Amino acid sequence: MTTDTFTLPGALEAHEPPEARGVGRDGVRLLVGRRSEQAVTHHAFTDLPDLLRPADLLVVNVSPTLPAAVRLDRLTVHFSTPAPDDGDGDGAWLVELRCRRGTSSVPYGGGTPGEWIPMPGGATLTLLRRRTPRLWEARLTTDVVPYLRRHGVPIAYPYVDREWPISAYQTAFALDRGAGSAEMPSAARAFTPEIVTRLVSRGVLIAPLTLHTGVASPEAHEPPYAEPYEVPAATAALVEHVRARGGRVIAVGTTVVRALETAGADGRVRARSGWTRHLVTPESGVRIVDGLLTGLHEPRSSHLRMLRAIAGNALLDRVYDAALTERYLFHEFGDANLLLP
């Protein structure tokens, strides 16, 4: 088996949050792969503080999750991010149109430039132009984020078989500053205040950054496109401090990897913000990140190229073989995977 070609059984797709399975947020399993030893071990997520070292640095994404799906009679509109090159400030956003299938949806290939779509609450969405095969640049007749908070629901894909409140999609680190992510920065979902306290008591450092993630591509597995990010000065300084003293920088989520590798493109992390188009691949490698805490990703996911850049092909294949053999759960409500150097 290779990581890109395995078959994911439906029974290993997490259909609901762990709380609905009778455990707490931190009641998921943790699959650990160590590159130096080419070893795979099995743990509970609550073991995380004991698996890290004092002076390790966890970098977390504090972007909150928006209720970014708006349901119409036959369509669902997924709002992704503001249009990245919308220099005139007219509020254009990237959106995906999808056909409704109960509480979920599938891609919709229709739409024409200039088409008006009536939206709930008396708003109108105008399709301006296609930006990718699945994403439109569009303009809503009102401010998007407040509108989503009134009329939106969390984005859900077919493996999630019922609707969950937006609170189920927020992490312990989410900060509401008026913007947010189309989909949950889910690697941090299992963290609880108790685990954070144990990490800090052990001497593990935690630092924030922000990357507002756009809509995923679960059907086409497209790589991520431009996304807005901010690495604050204090986080940049702490990353450099830890690296200079031989500590390990461990990203909590692929979004954090993308932001840190963008801010440290020349090998040194500086405070930066804007839009990142950087793709982490085995060819580009990583300069800043030593390890990654993430979920388990479906076959052909573009995230797997990033994971190979961090873990290497051999270890990643062992990790995913173990995940399938031991029946770990995949997707945002599933189990966790820690890749260490």
C-alpha atoms as a PDB file:
ATOM      1  CA  MET A   1       0.000   0.000   0.000  1.00  0.00           C
ATOM      2  CA  THR A   2       1.065   3.579  -0.654  1.00  0.00           C
ATOM      3  CA  THR A   3      -0.378   6.556   1.142  1.00  0.00           C
ATOM      4  CA  ASP A   4      -1.910   7.953  -2.051  1.00  0.00           C
ATOM      5  CA  THR A   5      -3.700   4.836  -3.283  1.00  0.00           C
ATOM      6  CA  PHE A   6      -5.239   3.162  -0.249  1.00  0.00           C
ATOM      7  CA  THR A   7      -8.979   2.582  -0.004  1.00  0.00           C
ATOM      8  CA  LEU A   8     -10.703   4.210   2.954  1.00  0.00           C
ATOM      9  CA  PRO A   9     -13.542   2.002   4.256  1.00  0.00           C
ATOM     10  CA  GLY A  10     -16.714   3.855   5.129  1.00  0.00           C
ATOM     11  CA  ALA A  11     -16.570   2.373   8.629  1.00  0.00           C
ATOM     12  CA  LEU A  12     -13.361   4.363   9.275  1.00  0.00           C
ATOM     13  CA  GLU A  13     -14.926   7.721   8.410  1.00  0.00           C
ATOM     14  CA  ALA A  14     -15.844   9.689  11.521  1.00  0.00           C
ATOM     15  CA  HIS A  15     -19.514  10.530  11.025  1.00  0.00           C
ATOM     16  CA  GLU A  16     -19.932  12.612  14.184  1.00  0.00           C
ATOM     17  CA  PRO A  17     -17.885  14.353  16.898  1.00  0.00           C
ATOM     18  CA  PRO A  18     -16.336  12.102  19.563  1.00  0.00           C
ATOM     19  CA  GLU A  19     -18.755  13.587  22.094  1.00  0.00           C
ATOM     20  CA  ALA A  20     -21.563  11.879  20.181  1.00  0.00           C
ATOM     21  CA  ARG A  21     -19.635   8.611  20.467  1.00  0.00           C
ATOM     22  CA  GLY A  22     -19.694   8.861  24.248  1.00  0.00           C
ATOM     23  CA  VAL A  23     -16.218  10.322  24.892  1.00  0.00           C
ATOM     24  CA  GLY A  24     -14.829  13.815  25.390  1.00  0.00           C
ATOM     25  CA  ARG A  25     -13.148  15.974  22.787  1.00  0.00           C
ATOM     26  CA  ASP A  26      -9.813  14.604  23.960  1.00  0.00           C
ATOM     27  CA  GLY A  27     -11.088  11.015  23.912  1.00  0.00           C
ATOM     28  CA  VAL A  28      -9.695  10.302  20.444  1.00  0.00           C
ATOM     29  CA  ARG A  29      -6.713   8.110  19.646  1.00  0.00           C
ATOM     30  CA  LEU A  30      -3.250   9.398  18.730  1.00  0.00           C
ATOM     31  CA  LEU A  31      -1.067   7.617  16.184  1.00  0.00           C
ATOM     32  CA  VAL A  32       2.596   8.665  16.481  1.00  0.00           C
ATOM     33  CA  GLY A  33       5.268   8.304  13.814  1.00  0.00           C
ATOM     34  CA  ARG A  34       8.932   9.072  14.565  1.00  0.00           C
ATOM     35  CA  ARG A  35      11.109   9.674  11.545  1.00  0.00           C
ATOM     36  CA  SER A  36      14.433   9.115  13.324  1.00  0.00           C
ATOM     37  CA  GLU A  37      13.404   5.622  14.382  1.00  0.00           C
ATOM     38  CA  GLN A  38      10.976   4.859  11.540  1.00  0.00           C
ATOM     39  CA  ALA A  39       8.682   3.753  14.375  1.00  0.00           C
ATOM     40  CA  VAL A  40       4.906   3.875  14.774  1.00  0.00           C
ATOM     41  CA  THR A  41       3.258   3.753  18.209  1.00  0.00           C
ATOM     42  CA  HIS A  42      -0.320   3.972  19.485  1.00  0.00           C
ATOM     43  CA  HIS A  43      -1.569   6.295  22.201  1.00  0.00           C
ATOM     44  CA  ALA A  44      -4.540   8.202  23.554  1.00  0.00           C
ATOM     45  CA  PHE A  45      -4.646  11.915  22.741  1.00  0.00           C
ATOM     46  CA  THR A  46      -4.419  12.585  26.472  1.00  0.00           C
ATOM     47  CA  ASP A  47      -0.859  11.175  26.292  1.00  0.00           C
ATOM     48  CA  LEU A  48       0.253  14.165  24.214  1.00  0.00           C
ATOM     49  CA  PRO A  49       1.978  16.102  27.045  1.00  0.00           C
ATOM     50  CA  ASP A  50       4.092  13.046  27.869  1.00  0.00           C
ATOM     51  CA  LEU A  51       5.114  12.600  24.225  1.00  0.00           C
ATOM     52  CA  LEU A  52       6.561  16.102  23.943  1.00  0.00           C
ATOM     53  CA  ARG A  53       9.661  17.589  25.541  1.00  0.00           C
ATOM     54  CA  PRO A  54      10.035  20.653  27.728  1.00  0.00           C
ATOM     55  CA  ALA A  55      10.866  23.608  25.425  1.00  0.00           C
ATOM     56  CA  ASP A  56       9.070  22.070  22.464  1.00  0.00           C
ATOM     57  CA  LEU A  57       6.896  24.690  20.784  1.00  0.00           C
ATOM     58  CA  LEU A  58       3.369  23.979  19.585  1.00  0.00           C
ATOM     59  CA  VAL A  59       2.116  26.568  17.099  1.00  0.00           C
ATOM     60  CA  VAL A  60      -1.673  26.732  16.825  1.00  0.00           C
ATOM     61  CA  ASN A  61      -4.125  28.375  14.439  1.00  0.00           C
ATOM     62  CA  VAL A  62      -6.543  30.665  16.277  1.00  0.00           C
ATOM     63  CA  SER A  63      -8.881  31.192  13.317  1.00  0.00           C
ATOM     64  CA  PRO A  64     -12.502  30.503  14.284  1.00  0.00           C
ATOM     65  CA  THR A  65     -14.798  28.500  12.043  1.00  0.00           C
ATOM     66  CA  LEU A  66     -17.536  30.356  10.192  1.00  0.00           C
ATOM     67  CA  PRO A  67     -20.958  28.883   9.407  1.00  0.00           C
ATOM     68  CA  ALA A  68     -19.887  29.200   5.781  1.00  0.00           C
ATOM     69  CA  ALA A  69     -22.595  27.151   4.016  1.00  0.00           C
ATOM     70  CA  VAL A  70     -25.853  28.830   3.001  1.00  0.00           C
ATOM     71  CA  ARG A  71     -28.617  26.470   1.896  1.00  0.00           C
ATOM     72  CA  LEU A  72     -31.099  27.321  -0.816  1.00  0.00           C
ATOM     73  CA  ASP A  73     -33.904  25.137  -2.167  1.00  0.00           C
ATOM     74  CA  ARG A  74     -31.693  23.094  -4.476  1.00  0.00           C
ATOM     75  CA  LEU A  75     -28.231  24.565  -4.033  1.00  0.00           C
ATOM     76  CA  THR A  76     -25.827  25.173  -1.184  1.00  0.00           C
ATOM     77  CA  VAL A  77     -23.329  28.027  -1.457  1.00  0.00           C
ATOM     78  CA  HIS A  78     -19.998  27.517   0.312  1.00  0.00           C
ATOM     79  CA  PHE A  79     -18.300  30.842   1.052  1.00  0.00           C
ATOM     80  CA  SER A  80     -14.537  30.357   1.008  1.00  0.00           C
ATOM     81  CA  THR A  81     -12.379  33.477   1.374  1.00  0.00           C
ATOM     82  CA  PRO A  82     -12.466  37.063   0.152  1.00  0.00           C
ATOM     83  CA  ALA A  83     -11.155  37.260  -3.397  1.00  0.00           C
ATOM     84  CA  PRO A  84      -7.376  37.514  -2.867  1.00  0.00           C
ATOM     85  CA  ASP A  85      -6.699  40.103  -5.570  1.00  0.00           C
ATOM     86  CA  ASP A  86      -9.816  42.182  -5.011  1.00  0.00           C
ATOM     87  CA  GLY A  87      -7.928  45.444  -4.774  1.00  0.00           C
ATOM     88  CA  ASP A  88     -10.954  47.696  -5.193  1.00  0.00           C
ATOM     89  CA  GLY A  89     -12.446  46.613  -1.873  1.00  0.00           C
ATOM     90  CA  ASP A  90     -15.872  45.841  -3.328  1.00  0.00           C
ATOM     91  CA  GLY A  91     -16.328  42.748  -1.164  1.00  0.00           C
ATOM     92  CA  ALA A  92     -16.002  39.997  -3.753  1.00  0.00           C
ATOM     93  CA  TRP A  93     -15.604  36.482  -2.337  1.00  0.00           C
ATOM     94  CA  LEU A  94     -14.724  33.079  -3.708  1.00  0.00           C
ATOM     95  CA  VAL A  95     -17.666  30.681  -3.465  1.00  0.00           C
ATOM     96  CA  GLU A  96     -18.445  27.120  -4.477  1.00  0.00           C
ATOM     97  CA  LEU A  97     -21.881  26.122  -5.741  1.00  0.00           C
ATOM     98  CA  ARG A  98     -23.059  22.653  -4.716  1.00  0.00           C
ATOM     99  CA  CYS A  99     -26.246  20.611  -5.164  1.00  0.00           C
ATOM    100  CA  ARG A 100     -28.037  19.851  -1.917  1.00  0.00           C
ATOM    101  CA  ARG A 101     -28.141  16.257  -0.731  1.00  0.00           C
ATOM    102  CA  GLY A 102     -29.928  16.366   2.611  1.00  0.00           C
ATOM    103  CA  THR A 103     -27.628  18.031   5.130  1.00  0.00           C
ATOM    104  CA  SER A 104     -24.687  17.661   2.731  1.00  0.00           C
ATOM    105  CA  SER A 105     -23.985  18.495  -0.921  1.00  0.00           C
ATOM    106  CA  VAL A 106     -22.141  17.495  -4.083  1.00  0.00           C
ATOM    107  CA  PRO A 107     -20.391  19.713  -6.665  1.00  0.00           C
ATOM    108  CA  TYR A 108     -22.584  21.677  -9.102  1.00  0.00           C
ATOM    109  CA  GLY A 109     -21.101  22.546 -12.475  1.00  0.00           C
ATOM    110  CA  GLY A 110     -23.672  25.148 -13.525  1.00  0.00           C
ATOM    111  CA  GLY A 111     -23.756  28.898 -13.238  1.00  0.00           C
ATOM    112  CA  THR A 112     -22.985  31.702 -15.705  1.00  0.00           C
ATOM    113  CA  PRO A 113     -21.170  35.021 -15.309  1.00  0.00           C
ATOM    114  CA  GLY A 114     -23.628  37.741 -14.351  1.00  0.00           C
ATOM    115  CA  GLU A 115     -26.176  35.303 -12.933  1.00  0.00           C
ATOM    116  CA  TRP A 116     -28.082  36.497  -9.861  1.00  0.00           C
ATOM    117  CA  ILE A 117     -28.890  33.998  -7.124  1.00  0.00           C
ATOM    118  CA  PRO A 118     -31.562  34.988  -4.568  1.00  0.00           C
ATOM    119  CA  MET A 119     -30.325  34.258  -1.044  1.00  0.00           C
ATOM    120  CA  PRO A 120     -32.092  33.930   2.327  1.00  0.00           C
ATOM    121  CA  GLY A 121     -32.801  37.180   4.150  1.00  0.00           C
ATOM    122  CA  GLY A 122     -33.374  39.182   0.970  1.00  0.00           C
ATOM    123  CA  ALA A 123     -29.726  39.218  -0.172  1.00  0.00           C
ATOM    124  CA  THR A 124     -28.550  38.520  -3.723  1.00  0.00           C
ATOM    125  CA  LEU A 125     -25.357  36.777  -4.843  1.00  0.00           C
ATOM    126  CA  THR A 126     -23.989  37.785  -8.259  1.00  0.00           C
ATOM    127  CA  LEU A 127     -21.596  35.417 -10.035  1.00  0.00           C
ATOM    128  CA  LEU A 128     -18.790  37.470 -11.565  1.00  0.00           C
ATOM    129  CA  ARG A 129     -16.371  34.969 -13.115  1.00  0.00           C
ATOM    130  CA  ARG A 130     -14.917  31.524 -12.600  1.00  0.00           C
ATOM    131  CA  ARG A 131     -11.642  31.571 -10.715  1.00  0.00           C
ATOM    132  CA  THR A 132     -11.005  27.802 -10.759  1.00  0.00           C
ATOM    133  CA  PRO A 133     -12.995  24.885 -12.225  1.00  0.00           C
ATOM    134  CA  ARG A 134     -15.079  24.808  -9.020  1.00  0.00           C
ATOM    135  CA  LEU A 135     -14.817  28.301  -7.486  1.00  0.00           C
ATOM    136  CA  TRP A 136     -16.612  31.449  -8.553  1.00  0.00           C
ATOM    137  CA  GLU A 137     -15.724  35.021  -7.744  1.00  0.00           C
ATOM    138  CA  ALA A 138     -19.017  36.459  -6.557  1.00  0.00           C
ATOM    139  CA  ARG A 139     -20.431  39.462  -4.760  1.00  0.00           C
ATOM    140  CA  LEU A 140     -23.092  39.459  -2.049  1.00  0.00           C
ATOM    141  CA  THR A 141     -25.291  42.529  -1.563  1.00  0.00           C
ATOM    142  CA  THR A 142     -24.371  42.701   2.145  1.00  0.00           C
ATOM    143  CA  ASP A 143     -21.299  42.113   4.303  1.00  0.00           C
ATOM    144  CA  VAL A 144     -20.486  38.423   4.089  1.00  0.00           C
ATOM    145  CA  VAL A 145     -19.316  37.482   7.606  1.00  0.00           C
ATOM    146  CA  PRO A 146     -22.269  39.026   9.512  1.00  0.00           C
ATOM    147  CA  TYR A 147     -24.579  37.495   6.903  1.00  0.00           C
ATOM    148  CA  LEU A 148     -23.104  34.035   7.443  1.00  0.00           C
ATOM    149  CA  ARG A 149     -23.535  34.348  11.196  1.00  0.00           C
ATOM    150  CA  ARG A 150     -27.250  34.979  10.615  1.00  0.00           C
ATOM    151  CA  HIS A 151     -28.007  32.564   7.772  1.00  0.00           C
ATOM    152  CA  GLY A 152     -25.152  30.065   7.482  1.00  0.00           C
ATOM    153  CA  VAL A 153     -24.488  26.588   8.836  1.00  0.00           C
ATOM    154  CA  PRO A 154     -21.163  24.758   9.135  1.00  0.00           C
ATOM    155  CA  ILE A 155     -19.854  23.150   5.956  1.00  0.00           C
ATOM    156  CA  ALA A 156     -20.401  19.389   6.040  1.00  0.00           C
ATOM    157  CA  TYR A 157     -19.555  16.684   3.524  1.00  0.00           C
ATOM    158  CA  PRO A 158     -21.415  13.408   2.881  1.00  0.00           C
ATOM    159  CA  TYR A 159     -19.572  11.401   5.530  1.00  0.00           C
ATOM    160  CA  VAL A 160     -21.112  13.632   8.244  1.00  0.00           C
ATOM    161  CA  ASP A 161     -24.608  12.215   8.396  1.00  0.00           C
ATOM    162  CA  ARG A 162     -26.404  14.813  10.529  1.00  0.00           C
ATOM    163  CA  GLU A 163     -26.193  18.505  11.322  1.00  0.00           C
ATOM    164  CA  TRP A 164     -24.015  19.708  14.215  1.00  0.00           C
ATOM    165  CA  PRO A 165     -23.958  23.200  15.761  1.00  0.00           C
ATOM    166  CA  ILE A 166     -21.146  25.615  14.986  1.00  0.00           C
ATOM    167  CA  SER A 167     -19.764  25.022  18.499  1.00  0.00           C
ATOM    168  CA  ALA A 168     -18.822  21.496  17.410  1.00  0.00           C
ATOM    169  CA  TYR A 169     -16.532  23.054  14.797  1.00  0.00           C
ATOM    170  CA  GLN A 170     -14.670  25.479  17.077  1.00  0.00           C
ATOM    171  CA  THR A 171     -11.339  24.622  18.668  1.00  0.00           C
ATOM    172  CA  ALA A 172     -10.163  25.594  22.132  1.00  0.00           C
ATOM    173  CA  PHE A 173      -7.872  28.206  20.527  1.00  0.00           C
ATOM    174  CA  ALA A 174     -10.436  29.955  18.303  1.00  0.00           C
ATOM    175  CA  LEU A 175     -10.500  33.757  18.656  1.00  0.00           C
ATOM    176  CA  ASP A 176     -13.396  35.677  17.151  1.00  0.00           C
ATOM    177  CA  ARG A 177     -11.894  38.775  15.546  1.00  0.00           C
ATOM    178  CA  GLY A 178     -14.515  39.334  12.884  1.00  0.00           C
ATOM    179  CA  ALA A 179     -13.213  36.914  10.249  1.00  0.00           C
ATOM    180  CA  GLY A 180     -12.671  33.183  10.173  1.00  0.00           C
ATOM    181  CA  SER A 181     -12.199  29.950   8.283  1.00  0.00           C
ATOM    182  CA  ALA A 182     -14.632  28.291   5.913  1.00  0.00           C
ATOM    183  CA  GLU A 183     -13.729  24.954   7.490  1.00  0.00           C
ATOM    184  CA  MET A 184     -12.450  24.059  10.939  1.00  0.00           C
ATOM    185  CA  PRO A 185      -8.677  24.059  11.603  1.00  0.00           C
ATOM    186  CA  SER A 186      -9.442  20.594  12.879  1.00  0.00           C
ATOM    187  CA  ALA A 187      -6.027  19.413  14.074  1.00  0.00           C
ATOM    188  CA  ALA A 188      -6.591  21.346  17.301  1.00  0.00           C
ATOM    189  CA  ARG A 189     -10.108  20.086  17.944  1.00  0.00           C
ATOM    190  CA  ALA A 190      -9.094  17.515  20.586  1.00  0.00           C
ATOM    191  CA  PHE A 191      -7.346  20.070  22.807  1.00  0.00           C
ATOM    192  CA  THR A 192      -9.090  20.866  26.081  1.00  0.00           C
ATOM    193  CA  PRO A 193      -8.181  23.365  28.807  1.00  0.00           C
ATOM    194  CA  GLU A 194      -6.960  20.428  30.908  1.00  0.00           C
ATOM    195  CA  ILE A 195      -4.539  19.240  28.221  1.00  0.00           C
ATOM    196  CA  VAL A 196      -3.298  22.775  27.617  1.00  0.00           C
ATOM    197  CA  THR A 197      -2.641  23.124  31.363  1.00  0.00           C
ATOM    198  CA  ARG A 198      -0.675  19.863  31.409  1.00  0.00           C
ATOM    199  CA  LEU A 199       1.357  20.935  28.378  1.00  0.00           C
ATOM    200  CA  VAL A 200       2.282  24.263  29.949  1.00  0.00           C
ATOM    201  CA  SER A 201       3.090  22.589  33.278  1.00  0.00           C
ATOM    202  CA  ARG A 202       5.489  20.280  31.456  1.00  0.00           C
ATOM    203  CA  GLY A 203       7.272  23.240  29.883  1.00  0.00           C
ATOM    204  CA  VAL A 204       5.823  22.920  26.399  1.00  0.00           C
ATOM    205  CA  LEU A 205       5.399  26.337  24.797  1.00  0.00           C
ATOM    206  CA  ILE A 206       2.321  27.360  22.793  1.00  0.00           C
ATOM    207  CA  ALA A 207       2.181  30.223  20.286  1.00  0.00           C
ATOM    208  CA  PRO A 208      -0.619  31.484  18.015  1.00  0.00           C
ATOM    209  CA  LEU A 209      -0.901  32.453  14.389  1.00  0.00           C
ATOM    210  CA  THR A 210      -3.848  32.900  12.067  1.00  0.00           C
ATOM    211  CA  LEU A 211      -4.635  31.351   8.716  1.00  0.00           C
ATOM    212  CA  HIS A 212      -8.212  31.552   7.467  1.00  0.00           C
ATOM    213  CA  THR A 213      -8.655  28.372   5.496  1.00  0.00           C
ATOM    214  CA  GLY A 214     -10.872  28.215   2.422  1.00  0.00           C
ATOM    215  CA  VAL A 215     -13.180  25.436   1.286  1.00  0.00           C
ATOM    216  CA  ALA A 216     -11.653  22.011   0.825  1.00  0.00           C
ATOM    217  CA  SER A 217     -11.761  19.968  -2.371  1.00  0.00           C
ATOM    218  CA  PRO A 218     -12.893  16.536  -1.152  1.00  0.00           C
ATOM    219  CA  GLU A 219     -13.974  15.379  -4.609  1.00  0.00           C
ATOM    220  CA  ALA A 220     -11.219  16.793  -6.856  1.00  0.00           C
ATOM    221  CA  HIS A 221      -8.386  16.916  -4.259  1.00  0.00           C
ATOM    222  CA  GLU A 222      -7.104  20.228  -5.568  1.00  0.00           C
ATOM    223  CA  PRO A 223      -4.196  21.843  -3.715  1.00  0.00           C
ATOM    224  CA  PRO A 224      -5.073  24.832  -1.521  1.00  0.00           C
ATOM    225  CA  TYR A 225      -5.141  28.197  -3.233  1.00  0.00           C
ATOM    226  CA  ALA A 226      -4.329  31.616  -1.768  1.00  0.00           C
ATOM    227  CA  GLU A 227      -5.388  32.050   1.861  1.00  0.00           C
ATOM    228  CA  PRO A 228      -5.003  35.025   4.247  1.00  0.00           C
ATOM    229  CA  TYR A 229      -2.592  34.577   7.152  1.00  0.00           C
ATOM    230  CA  GLU A 230      -0.792  36.436   9.919  1.00  0.00           C
ATOM    231  CA  VAL A 231       2.273  35.381  11.896  1.00  0.00           C
ATOM    232  CA  PRO A 232       2.568  37.866  14.793  1.00  0.00           C
ATOM    233  CA  ALA A 233       5.901  39.273  15.893  1.00  0.00           C
ATOM    234  CA  ALA A 234       5.798  37.484  19.265  1.00  0.00           C
ATOM    235  CA  THR A 235       5.214  34.121  17.600  1.00  0.00           C
ATOM    236  CA  ALA A 236       7.963  34.703  15.054  1.00  0.00           C
ATOM    237  CA  ALA A 237      10.389  35.630  17.839  1.00  0.00           C
ATOM    238  CA  LEU A 238       9.452  32.566  19.896  1.00  0.00           C
ATOM    239  CA  VAL A 239       9.915  30.243  16.924  1.00  0.00           C
ATOM    240  CA  GLU A 240      13.391  31.648  16.334  1.00  0.00           C
ATOM    241  CA  HIS A 241      14.209  31.441  20.055  1.00  0.00           C
ATOM    242  CA  VAL A 242      13.231  27.758  20.209  1.00  0.00           C
ATOM    243  CA  ARG A 243      15.100  26.886  17.013  1.00  0.00           C
ATOM    244  CA  ALA A 244      18.255  28.656  18.204  1.00  0.00           C
ATOM    245  CA  ARG A 245      18.277  26.538  21.368  1.00  0.00           C
ATOM    246  CA  GLY A 246      17.697  23.215  19.692  1.00  0.00           C
ATOM    247  CA  GLY A 247      14.001  22.914  20.486  1.00  0.00           C
ATOM    248  CA  ARG A 248      11.405  21.471  18.157  1.00  0.00           C
ATOM    249  CA  VAL A 249       8.748  23.492  16.341  1.00  0.00           C
ATOM    250  CA  ILE A 250       5.609  21.375  16.002  1.00  0.00           C
ATOM    251  CA  ALA A 251       2.763  22.685  13.900  1.00  0.00           C
ATOM    252  CA  VAL A 252      -0.780  21.914  15.004  1.00  0.00           C
ATOM    253  CA  GLY A 253      -2.368  21.467  11.594  1.00  0.00           C
ATOM    254  CA  THR A 254      -1.428  21.806   7.960  1.00  0.00           C
ATOM    255  CA  THR A 255      -2.614  25.421   7.997  1.00  0.00           C
ATOM    256  CA  VAL A 256       0.098  26.234  10.548  1.00  0.00           C
ATOM    257  CA  VAL A 257       2.733  24.555   8.391  1.00  0.00           C
ATOM    258  CA  ARG A 258       1.695  26.673   5.424  1.00  0.00           C
ATOM    259  CA  ALA A 259       1.800  29.915   7.403  1.00  0.00           C
ATOM    260  CA  LEU A 260       5.147  29.215   9.103  1.00  0.00           C
ATOM    261  CA  GLU A 261       6.835  28.059   5.918  1.00  0.00           C
ATOM    262  CA  THR A 262       5.564  31.203   4.180  1.00  0.00           C
ATOM    263  CA  ALA A 263       6.832  33.479   6.950  1.00  0.00           C
ATOM    264  CA  GLY A 264      10.156  31.611   6.997  1.00  0.00           C
ATOM    265  CA  ALA A 265      10.705  31.212   3.288  1.00  0.00           C
ATOM    266  CA  ASP A 266      14.317  32.406   3.615  1.00  0.00           C
ATOM    267  CA  GLY A 267      15.000  30.126   6.590  1.00  0.00           C
ATOM    268  CA  ARG A 268      14.191  32.645   9.312  1.00  0.00           C
ATOM    269  CA  VAL A 269      10.653  33.340  10.579  1.00  0.00           C
ATOM    270  CA  ARG A 270       9.609  36.980  10.630  1.00  0.00           C
ATOM    271  CA  ALA A 271       6.330  38.660  11.446  1.00  0.00           C
ATOM    272  CA  ARG A 272       4.345  38.609   8.226  1.00  0.00           C
ATOM    273  CA  SER A 273       0.779  38.835   7.007  1.00  0.00           C
ATOM    274  CA  GLY A 274      -1.062  38.844   3.718  1.00  0.00           C
ATOM    275  CA  TRP A 275      -1.969  36.057   1.325  1.00  0.00           C
ATOM    276  CA  THR A 276       0.015  32.860   1.037  1.00  0.00           C
ATOM    277  CA  ARG A 277       0.176  30.832  -2.157  1.00  0.00           C
ATOM    278  CA  HIS A 278       2.997  28.650  -0.869  1.00  0.00           C
ATOM    279  CA  LEU A 279       2.555  24.899  -1.331  1.00  0.00           C
ATOM    280  CA  VAL A 280       4.576  22.555   0.877  1.00  0.00           C
ATOM    281  CA  THR A 281       5.616  19.515  -1.140  1.00  0.00           C
ATOM    282  CA  PRO A 282       8.357  16.889  -0.966  1.00  0.00           C
ATOM    283  CA  GLU A 283      10.161  18.913  -3.608  1.00  0.00           C
ATOM    284  CA  SER A 284      10.006  22.207  -1.686  1.00  0.00           C
ATOM    285  CA  GLY A 285      10.622  20.563   1.693  1.00  0.00           C
ATOM    286  CA  VAL A 286      10.245  22.351   5.024  1.00  0.00           C
ATOM    287  CA  ARG A 287      12.627  24.881   6.553  1.00  0.00           C
ATOM    288  CA  ILE A 288      10.923  25.759   9.825  1.00  0.00           C
ATOM    289  CA  VAL A 289       8.645  22.971  10.983  1.00  0.00           C
ATOM    290  CA  ASP A 290      10.107  19.902  12.717  1.00  0.00           C
ATOM    291  CA  GLY A 291       6.890  18.023  13.455  1.00  0.00           C
ATOM    292  CA  LEU A 292       3.182  18.057  12.783  1.00  0.00           C
ATOM    293  CA  LEU A 293       0.042  17.185  14.704  1.00  0.00           C
ATOM    294  CA  THR A 294      -2.755  16.589  12.225  1.00  0.00           C
ATOM    295  CA  GLY A 295      -5.744  14.417  11.446  1.00  0.00           C
ATOM    296  CA  LEU A 296      -5.865  11.438   9.140  1.00  0.00           C
ATOM    297  CA  HIS A 297      -6.436  12.433   5.534  1.00  0.00           C
ATOM    298  CA  GLU A 298      -8.283  10.595   2.790  1.00  0.00           C
ATOM    299  CA  PRO A 299      -6.374   9.029  -0.143  1.00  0.00           C
ATOM    300  CA  ARG A 300      -5.289  11.442  -2.887  1.00  0.00           C
ATOM    301  CA  SER A 301      -5.702  14.392  -0.524  1.00  0.00           C
ATOM    302  CA  SER A 302      -3.335  17.231  -1.415  1.00  0.00           C
ATOM    303  CA  HIS A 303      -2.402  17.388   2.286  1.00  0.00           C
ATOM    304  CA  LEU A 304      -0.536  14.097   1.907  1.00  0.00           C
ATOM    305  CA  ARG A 305       2.173  15.803  -0.159  1.00  0.00           C
ATOM    306  CA  MET A 306       2.837  18.114   2.783  1.00  0.00           C
ATOM    307  CA  LEU A 307       2.927  15.157   5.159  1.00  0.00           C
ATOM    308  CA  ARG A 308       5.480  13.401   2.965  1.00  0.00           C
ATOM    309  CA  ALA A 309       7.659  16.534   3.063  1.00  0.00           C
ATOM    310  CA  ILE A 310       7.686  16.316   6.871  1.00  0.00           C
ATOM    311  CA  ALA A 311       7.667  12.566   7.539  1.00  0.00           C
ATOM    312  CA  GLY A 312       9.179  11.073   4.395  1.00  0.00           C
ATOM    313  CA  ASN A 313       7.562   8.446   2.205  1.00  0.00           C
ATOM    314  CA  ALA A 314       8.537   5.336   4.155  1.00  0.00           C
ATOM    315  CA  LEU A 315       7.313   6.536   7.546  1.00  0.00           C
ATOM    316  CA  LEU A 316       4.094   7.983   6.171  1.00  0.00           C
ATOM    317  CA  ASP A 317       3.252   4.700   4.457  1.00  0.00           C
ATOM    318  CA  ARG A 318       3.825   2.897   7.768  1.00  0.00           C
ATOM    319  CA  VAL A 319       1.628   5.389   9.613  1.00  0.00           C
ATOM    320  CA  TYR A 320      -1.293   4.990   7.230  1.00  0.00           C
ATOM    321  CA  ASP A 321      -0.922   1.220   7.067  1.00  0.00           C
ATOM    322  CA  ALA A 322      -1.150   1.182  10.880  1.00  0.00           C
ATOM    323  CA  ALA A 323      -4.119   3.568  10.830  1.00  0.00           C
ATOM    324  CA  LEU A 324      -6.063   1.240   8.547  1.00  0.00           C
ATOM    325  CA  THR A 325      -5.015  -1.947  10.332  1.00  0.00           C
ATOM    326  CA  GLU A 326      -5.883  -0.584  13.786  1.00  0.00           C
ATOM    327  CA  ARG A 327      -9.062   1.080  12.533  1.00  0.00           C
ATOM    328  CA  TYR A 328      -8.334   4.694  13.343  1.00  0.00           C
ATOM    329  CA  LEU A 329     -11.054   7.178  12.380  1.00  0.00           C
ATOM    330  CA  PHE A 330     -10.476   9.721   9.600  1.00  0.00           C
ATOM    331  CA  HIS A 331     -11.619  13.299   8.857  1.00  0.00           C
ATOM    332  CA  GLU A 332     -12.221  16.302  11.102  1.00  0.00           C
ATOM    333  CA  PHE A 333     -14.086  14.410  13.844  1.00  0.00           C
ATOM    334  CA  GLY A 334     -11.676  11.476  13.810  1.00  0.00           C
ATOM    335  CA  ASP A 335      -8.417  10.491  15.474  1.00  0.00           C
ATOM    336  CA  ALA A 336      -5.110  12.360  15.475  1.00  0.00           C
ATOM    337  CA  ASN A 337      -1.661  11.767  14.011  1.00  0.00           C
ATOM    338  CA  LEU A 338       1.585  13.150  15.448  1.00  0.00           C
ATOM    339  CA  LEU A 339       4.626  13.149  13.171  1.00  0.00           C
ATOM    340  CA  LEU A 340       7.897  13.739  15.020  1.00  0.00           C
ATOM    341  CA  PRO A 341      11.442  14.079  13.705  1.00  0.00           C
END
